[in-house]
Amino acid sequence: MLLSATLALASRIAVADEAALPAAPNRPIESTADQRYCDNDGKAGLCDVLSPTGPPPAEGYPAIIVVHGGGWMSGDKWTVEGYAKLLAKQGFVVINMNYRLAPAFKFPSQVDDVRAAMLWVKSSAKRWSIDLSRLGVFGYSAGGHLTALVASLADEPIERQTAASDWPASDERWKDLPKIRAICVGGPPCDFRTLPVDNTTLAYFLGGSRREKPGTYVAASPTAHASPDDPVTQIIHGDNDIIVPIKTSKEFHAAQIAAGVDSRMQVMPGQGHMLTFLNPKTSEKVVEFFCDVLK
């Protein structure tokens, strides 16, 4: 709960200085709360849609799915509402989603929820005037991990995708998923393969230690799935992050570069995990990146 409250406060501070943003159109927006994107019980299946007001462009708006943090076990879409509003004011339709939380729901429930939100965006594209060829995803912390993992797995063989899903290989939803064109991830845990084999710190999420669930630790690691067709990626990480060490992002970035991916790394000097989320330069970089690649 403390982490969620801190994220919420940080979000509101981080996006306060809109004048510093590129072009900063600051368009009027409207918010449609608590849309049910899937049949998950309670809040887990809900999203908010924030969109510019007025007549949409002929080609539609680019869209961004926003995925909150909270260690996969806490958090809510309201904690990243500030980022969602900021992106909507820049001319994006923003889908700010909840997802099922550990330990009641373990991996890969959260991964499938991001995919379910993608399917909902596709089915709702006409309603919200969305151009599906310009779909991005933004997530911070655990949300950054889910974002990076879904995007990195999207071009992998079906057996790799199903290792990080409860959907069977024969599920028609695989063929219906829209393509992610760009992702921005902040402070993301990217590789669980080198954790001590008997460490149970992440058992609440991954279902056991690495010795007990070796395949799960590989399946859940975005770095393990870096490949040439991954979408353009912006990584943001504080170099003083002791919650999620920057090493994990640097190695993910290096793996993407080695695969030929357009991968960009923004290091926040002297910043920790929460200070990076709080820093206005983070929100500026998020907006700058998506404006660059989706507009």
Foldseek 3Di string as FASTA:
>chain_A
DVVQVLLQVLLCLLLVCLVPFPVSQQADKDKDWFDQLDDDPDQARTKMKIAGDDDAPPLFFFEEEEFEDDLQADYHLSSNVSLQSSLRSVGYTYIRHHHDGWLVDAFPRRLVSVQSNQLSCVVCCVVRRYNLVRYEYEYEEQGLLSRLLNLLCLPPPLVLVCLRHPDDSPDPSNVRGGHHAEYEYELYQAAQQPPPQQDCPCCRHQVHGCVVPVSSRLSSHSLNRQAQPGHAYEYEYECAEPVRHCVRVVSSQVSNVVRVHNYHYHYDYPDYRSRCSNHNVNSSVVNVVSVVRRD
